[in-house]
């Protein structure tokens, strides 16, 4: 399996293990994340989840060779992006979190990162758009101009700046993100799980209108799927060459 689960007291650590592919997400990875999230939500003995890609890389996003963002019935994209959760999920980031990998981070409630972490949404450089929540969650988590730079120019956001802007809640030295995430999870476990669940629900209610966000995303995805630029961008990425854009 390309996703490993480990229970540590009341915390479930979920690790993507596809290092040879930079933890790119295919259907097997999405199914593995989905199974872990189902376990987290359904097991009353589990109170907090930690999602990590291991010590070197969080995730480079969707495996384009396997098709567009893989989905599951209960969790949506990547098994977690559209999931309604009553238990906190902490993203633990070492190394790159790009495209769908960053959208996985944005789907979590808290972010712990080491100074090696870097975030980005380079989809437009592939002729596509951020289809798994990035279009509306990035401007919610970051200043609009910063989110626009990531999505329009394919810029990357380093961990220090992400921490200064409030995306990363705890910033640590390389190799220490998992320990810091587990420490944060332990702090959450000191609280009432019932009250924590109610608080998560309230936070979701006062956030951005996700129905509108998903509708806007769906319209953009439908349009880009018909474009010549999407076909060219994906082919250029797979062929390891510069794309030849037509603007159509």
C-alpha atoms as a PDB file:
ATOM      1  CA  UNK A   1       0.000   0.000   0.000  1.00  0.00           C
ATOM      2  CA  UNK A   2       1.146   3.559  -0.705  1.00  0.00           C
ATOM      3  CA  UNK A   3      -0.526   5.013   2.418  1.00  0.00           C
ATOM      4  CA  UNK A   4       0.406   3.865   5.921  1.00  0.00           C
ATOM      5  CA  UNK A   5      -1.687   4.270   9.062  1.00  0.00           C
ATOM      6  CA  UNK A   6      -0.249   4.312  12.579  1.00  0.00           C
ATOM      7  CA  UNK A   7      -2.229   4.863  15.760  1.00  0.00           C
ATOM      8  CA  UNK A   8      -0.406   6.648  18.582  1.00  0.00           C
ATOM      9  CA  UNK A   9      -2.760   6.754  21.552  1.00  0.00           C
ATOM     10  CA  UNK A  10      -5.711   8.881  20.308  1.00  0.00           C
ATOM     11  CA  UNK A  11      -3.881  10.181  17.230  1.00  0.00           C
ATOM     12  CA  UNK A  12      -3.907   8.579  13.771  1.00  0.00           C
ATOM     13  CA  UNK A  13      -0.801   9.325  11.693  1.00  0.00           C
ATOM     14  CA  UNK A  14      -1.436   8.927   7.960  1.00  0.00           C
ATOM     15  CA  UNK A  15       1.682   8.800   5.787  1.00  0.00           C
ATOM     16  CA  UNK A  16       1.796   8.915   1.995  1.00  0.00           C
ATOM     17  CA  UNK A  17       4.557   6.516   0.917  1.00  0.00           C
ATOM     18  CA  UNK A  18       5.202   6.938  -2.797  1.00  0.00           C
ATOM     19  CA  UNK A  19       8.576   8.619  -2.673  1.00  0.00           C
ATOM     20  CA  UNK A  20       9.706   7.357  -6.092  1.00  0.00           C
ATOM     21  CA  UNK A  21       6.868   9.400  -7.599  1.00  0.00           C
ATOM     22  CA  UNK A  22       7.354  12.385  -5.237  1.00  0.00           C
ATOM     23  CA  UNK A  23       4.228  11.230  -3.375  1.00  0.00           C
ATOM     24  CA  UNK A  24       2.128  12.057  -6.432  1.00  0.00           C
ATOM     25  CA  UNK A  25      -1.499  11.127  -5.854  1.00  0.00           C
ATOM     26  CA  UNK A  26      -3.094   8.402  -7.960  1.00  0.00           C
ATOM     27  CA  UNK A  27      -6.265   6.432  -7.223  1.00  0.00           C
ATOM     28  CA  UNK A  28      -4.438   4.024  -4.907  1.00  0.00           C
ATOM     29  CA  UNK A  29      -3.133   6.904  -2.788  1.00  0.00           C
ATOM     30  CA  UNK A  30      -6.564   8.562  -2.737  1.00  0.00           C
ATOM     31  CA  UNK A  31      -8.169   5.293  -1.655  1.00  0.00           C
ATOM     32  CA  UNK A  32      -5.558   4.898   1.078  1.00  0.00           C
ATOM     33  CA  UNK A  33      -6.164   8.413   2.406  1.00  0.00           C
ATOM     34  CA  UNK A  34      -9.914   7.810   2.210  1.00  0.00           C
ATOM     35  CA  UNK A  35      -9.640   4.606   4.238  1.00  0.00           C
ATOM     36  CA  UNK A  36      -7.578   6.394   6.884  1.00  0.00           C
ATOM     37  CA  UNK A  37      -9.999   9.314   7.079  1.00  0.00           C
ATOM     38  CA  UNK A  38     -12.927   6.882   7.390  1.00  0.00           C
ATOM     39  CA  UNK A  39     -11.135   5.210  10.280  1.00  0.00           C
ATOM     40  CA  UNK A  40     -10.417   8.558  11.929  1.00  0.00           C
ATOM     41  CA  UNK A  41     -14.028   9.681  11.711  1.00  0.00           C
ATOM     42  CA  UNK A  42     -15.628   6.363  12.631  1.00  0.00           C
ATOM     43  CA  UNK A  43     -13.413   5.235  15.512  1.00  0.00           C
ATOM     44  CA  UNK A  44     -14.448   6.968  18.773  1.00  0.00           C
ATOM     45  CA  UNK A  45     -11.034   6.178  20.222  1.00  0.00           C
ATOM     46  CA  UNK A  46      -9.344   8.451  17.679  1.00  0.00           C
ATOM     47  CA  UNK A  47      -9.539  12.195  18.284  1.00  0.00           C
ATOM     48  CA  UNK A  48      -6.995  13.814  15.928  1.00  0.00           C
ATOM     49  CA  UNK A  49      -5.401  12.983  12.576  1.00  0.00           C
ATOM     50  CA  UNK A  50      -1.961  13.902  11.219  1.00  0.00           C
ATOM     51  CA  UNK A  51      -1.384  13.763   7.452  1.00  0.00           C
ATOM     52  CA  UNK A  52       2.222  13.647   6.259  1.00  0.00           C
ATOM     53  CA  UNK A  53       4.335  12.673   3.283  1.00  0.00           C
ATOM     54  CA  UNK A  54       7.295  11.614   5.363  1.00  0.00           C
ATOM     55  CA  UNK A  55      10.629  13.309   6.028  1.00  0.00           C
ATOM     56  CA  UNK A  56      11.527  14.463   2.492  1.00  0.00           C
ATOM     57  CA  UNK A  57       8.420  15.407   0.522  1.00  0.00           C
ATOM     58  CA  UNK A  58       4.783  16.123   1.297  1.00  0.00           C
ATOM     59  CA  UNK A  59       3.300  15.678  -2.189  1.00  0.00           C
ATOM     60  CA  UNK A  60       3.866  16.926  -5.717  1.00  0.00           C
ATOM     61  CA  UNK A  61       0.115  16.716  -6.365  1.00  0.00           C
ATOM     62  CA  UNK A  62      -1.907  14.712  -8.842  1.00  0.00           C
ATOM     63  CA  UNK A  63      -0.096  12.033 -10.811  1.00  0.00           C
ATOM     64  CA  UNK A  64      -0.878  13.479 -14.249  1.00  0.00           C
ATOM     65  CA  UNK A  65       0.104  10.212 -15.906  1.00  0.00           C
ATOM     66  CA  UNK A  66      -2.837   8.609 -14.076  1.00  0.00           C
ATOM     67  CA  UNK A  67      -5.409  11.295 -14.970  1.00  0.00           C
ATOM     68  CA  UNK A  68      -7.072  14.202 -13.179  1.00  0.00           C
ATOM     69  CA  UNK A  69      -7.618  14.406  -9.423  1.00  0.00           C
ATOM     70  CA  UNK A  70      -8.637  10.918  -8.205  1.00  0.00           C
ATOM     71  CA  UNK A  71     -11.743  10.862  -6.020  1.00  0.00           C
ATOM     72  CA  UNK A  72     -13.532   8.709  -3.497  1.00  0.00           C
ATOM     73  CA  UNK A  73     -17.234   8.601  -2.711  1.00  0.00           C
ATOM     74  CA  UNK A  74     -16.981   9.786   0.871  1.00  0.00           C
ATOM     75  CA  UNK A  75     -14.033  12.150   0.715  1.00  0.00           C
ATOM     76  CA  UNK A  76     -14.110  13.651  -2.765  1.00  0.00           C
ATOM     77  CA  UNK A  77     -10.780  14.570  -4.338  1.00  0.00           C
ATOM     78  CA  UNK A  78      -7.843  12.669  -2.815  1.00  0.00           C
ATOM     79  CA  UNK A  79     -10.198  11.062  -0.313  1.00  0.00           C
ATOM     80  CA  UNK A  80     -10.321  14.132   1.941  1.00  0.00           C
ATOM     81  CA  UNK A  81     -10.784  17.440   0.082  1.00  0.00           C
ATOM     82  CA  UNK A  82     -14.608  17.527   0.249  1.00  0.00           C
ATOM     83  CA  UNK A  83     -14.987  15.487   3.400  1.00  0.00           C
ATOM     84  CA  UNK A  84     -17.120  16.782   6.258  1.00  0.00           C
ATOM     85  CA  UNK A  85     -15.005  16.127   9.329  1.00  0.00           C
ATOM     86  CA  UNK A  86     -15.752  16.374  13.028  1.00  0.00           C
ATOM     87  CA  UNK A  87     -12.152  15.664  14.082  1.00  0.00           C
ATOM     88  CA  UNK A  88      -9.126  17.920  13.515  1.00  0.00           C
ATOM     89  CA  UNK A  89      -6.634  17.062  10.806  1.00  0.00           C
ATOM     90  CA  UNK A  90      -3.088  18.441  10.978  1.00  0.00           C
ATOM     91  CA  UNK A  91      -0.941  18.718   7.837  1.00  0.00           C
ATOM     92  CA  UNK A  92       2.676  17.861   8.649  1.00  0.00           C
ATOM     93  CA  UNK A  93       4.882  19.225   5.865  1.00  0.00           C
ATOM     94  CA  UNK A  94       8.522  18.569   5.063  1.00  0.00           C
ATOM     95  CA  UNK A  95       9.659  19.520   1.552  1.00  0.00           C
ATOM     96  CA  UNK A  96       7.413  20.348  -1.377  1.00  0.00           C
ATOM     97  CA  UNK A  97       3.616  20.615  -1.262  1.00  0.00           C
ATOM     98  CA  UNK A  98       2.662  21.518  -4.812  1.00  0.00           C
ATOM     99  CA  UNK A  99      -0.591  21.581  -6.768  1.00  0.00           C
ATOM    100  CA  UNK A 100      -2.857  18.928  -5.336  1.00  0.00           C
ATOM    101  CA  UNK A 101      -0.339  18.451  -2.548  1.00  0.00           C
ATOM    102  CA  UNK A 102      -0.918  22.036  -1.453  1.00  0.00           C
ATOM    103  CA  UNK A 103      -4.662  21.534  -1.863  1.00  0.00           C
ATOM    104  CA  UNK A 104      -4.361  18.610   0.574  1.00  0.00           C
ATOM    105  CA  UNK A 105      -2.689  21.013   3.023  1.00  0.00           C
ATOM    106  CA  UNK A 106      -5.465  23.564   2.508  1.00  0.00           C
ATOM    107  CA  UNK A 107      -8.057  20.871   3.292  1.00  0.00           C
ATOM    108  CA  UNK A 108      -6.526  20.390   6.760  1.00  0.00           C
ATOM    109  CA  UNK A 109      -7.351  22.416   9.857  1.00  0.00           C
ATOM    110  CA  UNK A 110      -3.806  23.155  11.040  1.00  0.00           C
ATOM    111  CA  UNK A 111      -0.391  23.164   9.356  1.00  0.00           C
ATOM    112  CA  UNK A 112       2.927  22.267  10.963  1.00  0.00           C
ATOM    113  CA  UNK A 113       5.950  22.630   8.687  1.00  0.00           C
ATOM    114  CA  UNK A 114       9.707  22.503   8.764  1.00  0.00           C
ATOM    115  CA  UNK A 115      11.869  25.172   7.177  1.00  0.00           C
ATOM    116  CA  UNK A 116      12.338  22.844   4.180  1.00  0.00           C
ATOM    117  CA  UNK A 117       8.660  23.186   3.250  1.00  0.00           C
ATOM    118  CA  UNK A 118       7.568  24.999   0.113  1.00  0.00           C
ATOM    119  CA  UNK A 119       4.023  25.531  -1.175  1.00  0.00           C
ATOM    120  CA  UNK A 120       2.754  26.217  -4.682  1.00  0.00           C
ATOM    121  CA  UNK A 121      -0.120  25.972  -7.155  1.00  0.00           C
ATOM    122  CA  UNK A 122       1.582  25.629 -10.572  1.00  0.00           C
ATOM    123  CA  UNK A 123      -1.484  24.294 -12.416  1.00  0.00           C
ATOM    124  CA  UNK A 124      -1.653  27.122 -14.981  1.00  0.00           C
ATOM    125  CA  UNK A 125       1.831  26.134 -16.135  1.00  0.00           C
ATOM    126  CA  UNK A 126       0.317  22.777 -17.092  1.00  0.00           C
ATOM    127  CA  UNK A 127      -2.610  24.391 -18.886  1.00  0.00           C
ATOM    128  CA  UNK A 128      -5.078  23.488 -16.129  1.00  0.00           C
ATOM    129  CA  UNK A 129      -6.584  25.136 -13.035  1.00  0.00           C
ATOM    130  CA  UNK A 130      -6.493  24.243  -9.342  1.00  0.00           C
ATOM    131  CA  UNK A 131      -9.478  21.905  -9.210  1.00  0.00           C
ATOM    132  CA  UNK A 132      -9.380  20.535  -5.664  1.00  0.00           C
ATOM    133  CA  UNK A 133     -10.227  23.580  -3.586  1.00  0.00           C
ATOM    134  CA  UNK A 134      -7.192  25.736  -4.266  1.00  0.00           C
ATOM    135  CA  UNK A 135      -9.091  28.371  -6.265  1.00  0.00           C
ATOM    136  CA  UNK A 136     -11.043  29.464  -3.192  1.00  0.00           C
ATOM    137  CA  UNK A 137      -9.158  28.016  -0.231  1.00  0.00           C
ATOM    138  CA  UNK A 138      -5.824  29.640  -1.099  1.00  0.00           C
ATOM    139  CA  UNK A 139      -7.312  33.189  -1.018  1.00  0.00           C
ATOM    140  CA  UNK A 140      -9.024  32.249   2.243  1.00  0.00           C
ATOM    141  CA  UNK A 141      -5.803  31.046   3.891  1.00  0.00           C
ATOM    142  CA  UNK A 142      -3.509  33.717   2.422  1.00  0.00           C
ATOM    143  CA  UNK A 143      -3.721  37.374   1.395  1.00  0.00           C
ATOM    144  CA  UNK A 144      -5.446  37.555  -1.965  1.00  0.00           C
ATOM    145  CA  UNK A 145      -2.420  38.996  -3.764  1.00  0.00           C
ATOM    146  CA  UNK A 146      -0.161  36.233  -2.461  1.00  0.00           C
ATOM    147  CA  UNK A 147      -2.647  33.546  -3.495  1.00  0.00           C
ATOM    148  CA  UNK A 148      -2.954  35.191  -6.923  1.00  0.00           C
ATOM    149  CA  UNK A 149       0.828  35.127  -7.365  1.00  0.00           C
ATOM    150  CA  UNK A 150       0.888  31.401  -6.591  1.00  0.00           C
ATOM    151  CA  UNK A 151      -1.932  30.607  -9.006  1.00  0.00           C
ATOM    152  CA  UNK A 152      -1.221  33.055 -11.838  1.00  0.00           C
ATOM    153  CA  UNK A 153       2.583  33.033 -11.913  1.00  0.00           C
ATOM    154  CA  UNK A 154       3.252  29.587 -10.501  1.00  0.00           C
ATOM    155  CA  UNK A 155       5.299  31.167  -7.687  1.00  0.00           C
ATOM    156  CA  UNK A 156       6.289  29.200  -4.604  1.00  0.00           C
ATOM    157  CA  UNK A 157       5.833  30.188  -1.001  1.00  0.00           C
ATOM    158  CA  UNK A 158       8.614  29.203   1.372  1.00  0.00           C
ATOM    159  CA  UNK A 159       7.911  27.997   4.883  1.00  0.00           C
ATOM    160  CA  UNK A 160       9.135  31.114   6.673  1.00  0.00           C
ATOM    161  CA  UNK A 161       6.881  33.417   4.679  1.00  0.00           C
ATOM    162  CA  UNK A 162       3.985  30.966   4.980  1.00  0.00           C
ATOM    163  CA  UNK A 163       4.434  31.090   8.739  1.00  0.00           C
ATOM    164  CA  UNK A 164       4.592  34.883   8.768  1.00  0.00           C
ATOM    165  CA  UNK A 165       1.375  35.044   6.724  1.00  0.00           C
ATOM    166  CA  UNK A 166      -0.450  32.655   9.064  1.00  0.00           C
ATOM    167  CA  UNK A 167      -0.755  29.603   6.801  1.00  0.00           C
ATOM    168  CA  UNK A 168       1.695  27.610   8.927  1.00  0.00           C
ATOM    169  CA  UNK A 169       0.823  27.565  12.617  1.00  0.00           C
ATOM    170  CA  UNK A 170       4.078  26.011  13.834  1.00  0.00           C
ATOM    171  CA  UNK A 171       7.455  26.248  12.069  1.00  0.00           C
ATOM    172  CA  UNK A 172      10.294  23.945  13.118  1.00  0.00           C
ATOM    173  CA  UNK A 173      13.755  22.812  12.066  1.00  0.00           C
ATOM    174  CA  UNK A 174      14.162  20.215   9.291  1.00  0.00           C
ATOM    175  CA  UNK A 175      13.135  16.720  10.308  1.00  0.00           C
ATOM    176  CA  UNK A 176      11.103  17.886  13.305  1.00  0.00           C
ATOM    177  CA  UNK A 177       7.707  18.516  11.726  1.00  0.00           C
ATOM    178  CA  UNK A 178       6.214  15.177  12.727  1.00  0.00           C
ATOM    179  CA  UNK A 179       7.290  15.565  16.350  1.00  0.00           C
ATOM    180  CA  UNK A 180       5.807  19.070  16.436  1.00  0.00           C
ATOM    181  CA  UNK A 181       2.578  17.869  14.808  1.00  0.00           C
ATOM    182  CA  UNK A 182       2.240  15.080  17.361  1.00  0.00           C
ATOM    183  CA  UNK A 183       2.845  17.579  20.164  1.00  0.00           C
ATOM    184  CA  UNK A 184       0.090  19.804  18.784  1.00  0.00           C
ATOM    185  CA  UNK A 185      -2.210  16.777  18.440  1.00  0.00           C
ATOM    186  CA  UNK A 186      -1.511  15.890  22.084  1.00  0.00           C
ATOM    187  CA  UNK A 187      -2.515  19.413  23.120  1.00  0.00           C
ATOM    188  CA  UNK A 188      -5.784  19.088  21.213  1.00  0.00           C
ATOM    189  CA  UNK A 189      -6.413  15.751  22.942  1.00  0.00           C
ATOM    190  CA  UNK A 190      -6.451  17.578  26.278  1.00  0.00           C
ATOM    191  CA  UNK A 191      -9.678  19.247  25.154  1.00  0.00           C
ATOM    192  CA  UNK A 192     -13.180  17.785  25.031  1.00  0.00           C
ATOM    193  CA  UNK A 193     -13.560  15.914  21.714  1.00  0.00           C
ATOM    194  CA  UNK A 194     -17.228  16.896  21.652  1.00  0.00           C
ATOM    195  CA  UNK A 195     -16.413  20.580  22.073  1.00  0.00           C
ATOM    196  CA  UNK A 196     -13.637  20.301  19.481  1.00  0.00           C
ATOM    197  CA  UNK A 197     -16.087  18.814  16.973  1.00  0.00           C
ATOM    198  CA  UNK A 198     -18.585  21.603  17.594  1.00  0.00           C
ATOM    199  CA  UNK A 199     -15.816  24.184  17.186  1.00  0.00           C
ATOM    200  CA  UNK A 200     -14.728  22.684  13.862  1.00  0.00           C
ATOM    201  CA  UNK A 201     -18.316  22.849  12.654  1.00  0.00           C
ATOM    202  CA  UNK A 202     -18.606  26.485  13.686  1.00  0.00           C
ATOM    203  CA  UNK A 203     -15.329  27.364  11.956  1.00  0.00           C
ATOM    204  CA  UNK A 204     -16.650  25.798   8.756  1.00  0.00           C
ATOM    205  CA  UNK A 205     -19.872  27.768   8.992  1.00  0.00           C
ATOM    206  CA  UNK A 206     -18.151  31.144   9.379  1.00  0.00           C
ATOM    207  CA  UNK A 207     -15.686  30.435   6.567  1.00  0.00           C
ATOM    208  CA  UNK A 208     -16.058  31.059   2.852  1.00  0.00           C
ATOM    209  CA  UNK A 209     -19.229  29.783   1.194  1.00  0.00           C
ATOM    210  CA  UNK A 210     -17.836  26.517  -0.148  1.00  0.00           C
ATOM    211  CA  UNK A 211     -20.867  25.808  -2.337  1.00  0.00           C
ATOM    212  CA  UNK A 212     -20.076  28.940  -4.325  1.00  0.00           C
ATOM    213  CA  UNK A 213     -16.393  28.053  -4.343  1.00  0.00           C
ATOM    214  CA  UNK A 214     -17.030  24.589  -5.728  1.00  0.00           C
ATOM    215  CA  UNK A 215     -19.485  25.902  -8.330  1.00  0.00           C
ATOM    216  CA  UNK A 216     -16.904  28.419  -9.535  1.00  0.00           C
ATOM    217  CA  UNK A 217     -14.242  25.714  -9.612  1.00  0.00           C
ATOM    218  CA  UNK A 218     -16.480  23.349 -11.576  1.00  0.00           C
ATOM    219  CA  UNK A 219     -17.135  26.017 -14.217  1.00  0.00           C
ATOM    220  CA  UNK A 220     -13.412  26.709 -14.604  1.00  0.00           C
ATOM    221  CA  UNK A 221     -12.566  22.998 -14.804  1.00  0.00           C
ATOM    222  CA  UNK A 222     -15.280  22.352 -17.407  1.00  0.00           C
ATOM    223  CA  UNK A 223     -13.950  25.179 -19.580  1.00  0.00           C
ATOM    224  CA  UNK A 224     -10.298  24.199 -19.315  1.00  0.00           C
ATOM    225  CA  UNK A 225     -11.023  20.549 -20.155  1.00  0.00           C
ATOM    226  CA  UNK A 226     -12.105  21.651 -23.632  1.00  0.00           C
ATOM    227  CA  UNK A 227      -8.965  23.707 -24.240  1.00  0.00           C
ATOM    228  CA  UNK A 228      -6.017  22.996 -26.494  1.00  0.00           C
ATOM    229  CA  UNK A 229      -3.750  24.456 -23.818  1.00  0.00           C
ATOM    230  CA  UNK A 230      -4.702  21.755 -21.315  1.00  0.00           C
ATOM    231  CA  UNK A 231      -3.781  18.975 -23.725  1.00  0.00           C
ATOM    232  CA  UNK A 232      -0.537  20.739 -24.605  1.00  0.00           C
ATOM    233  CA  UNK A 233       0.343  21.485 -20.983  1.00  0.00           C
ATOM    234  CA  UNK A 234      -0.148  17.910 -19.800  1.00  0.00           C
ATOM    235  CA  UNK A 235       1.697  16.466 -22.806  1.00  0.00           C
ATOM    236  CA  UNK A 236       4.588  18.883 -22.338  1.00  0.00           C
ATOM    237  CA  UNK A 237       4.867  17.951 -18.660  1.00  0.00           C
ATOM    238  CA  UNK A 238       4.886  14.233 -19.411  1.00  0.00           C
ATOM    239  CA  UNK A 239       7.377  14.717 -22.272  1.00  0.00           C
ATOM    240  CA  UNK A 240       9.588  16.974 -20.097  1.00  0.00           C
ATOM    241  CA  UNK A 241       9.601  19.905 -22.503  1.00  0.00           C
ATOM    242  CA  UNK A 242       8.459  23.511 -22.513  1.00  0.00           C
ATOM    243  CA  UNK A 243       4.786  23.896 -23.501  1.00  0.00           C
ATOM    244  CA  UNK A 244       3.822  25.679 -26.717  1.00  0.00           C
ATOM    245  CA  UNK A 245       0.735  27.632 -25.712  1.00  0.00           C
ATOM    246  CA  UNK A 246      -1.898  28.717 -28.218  1.00  0.00           C
ATOM    247  CA  UNK A 247      -4.209  30.521 -25.770  1.00  0.00           C
ATOM    248  CA  UNK A 248      -7.127  28.346 -26.822  1.00  0.00           C
END
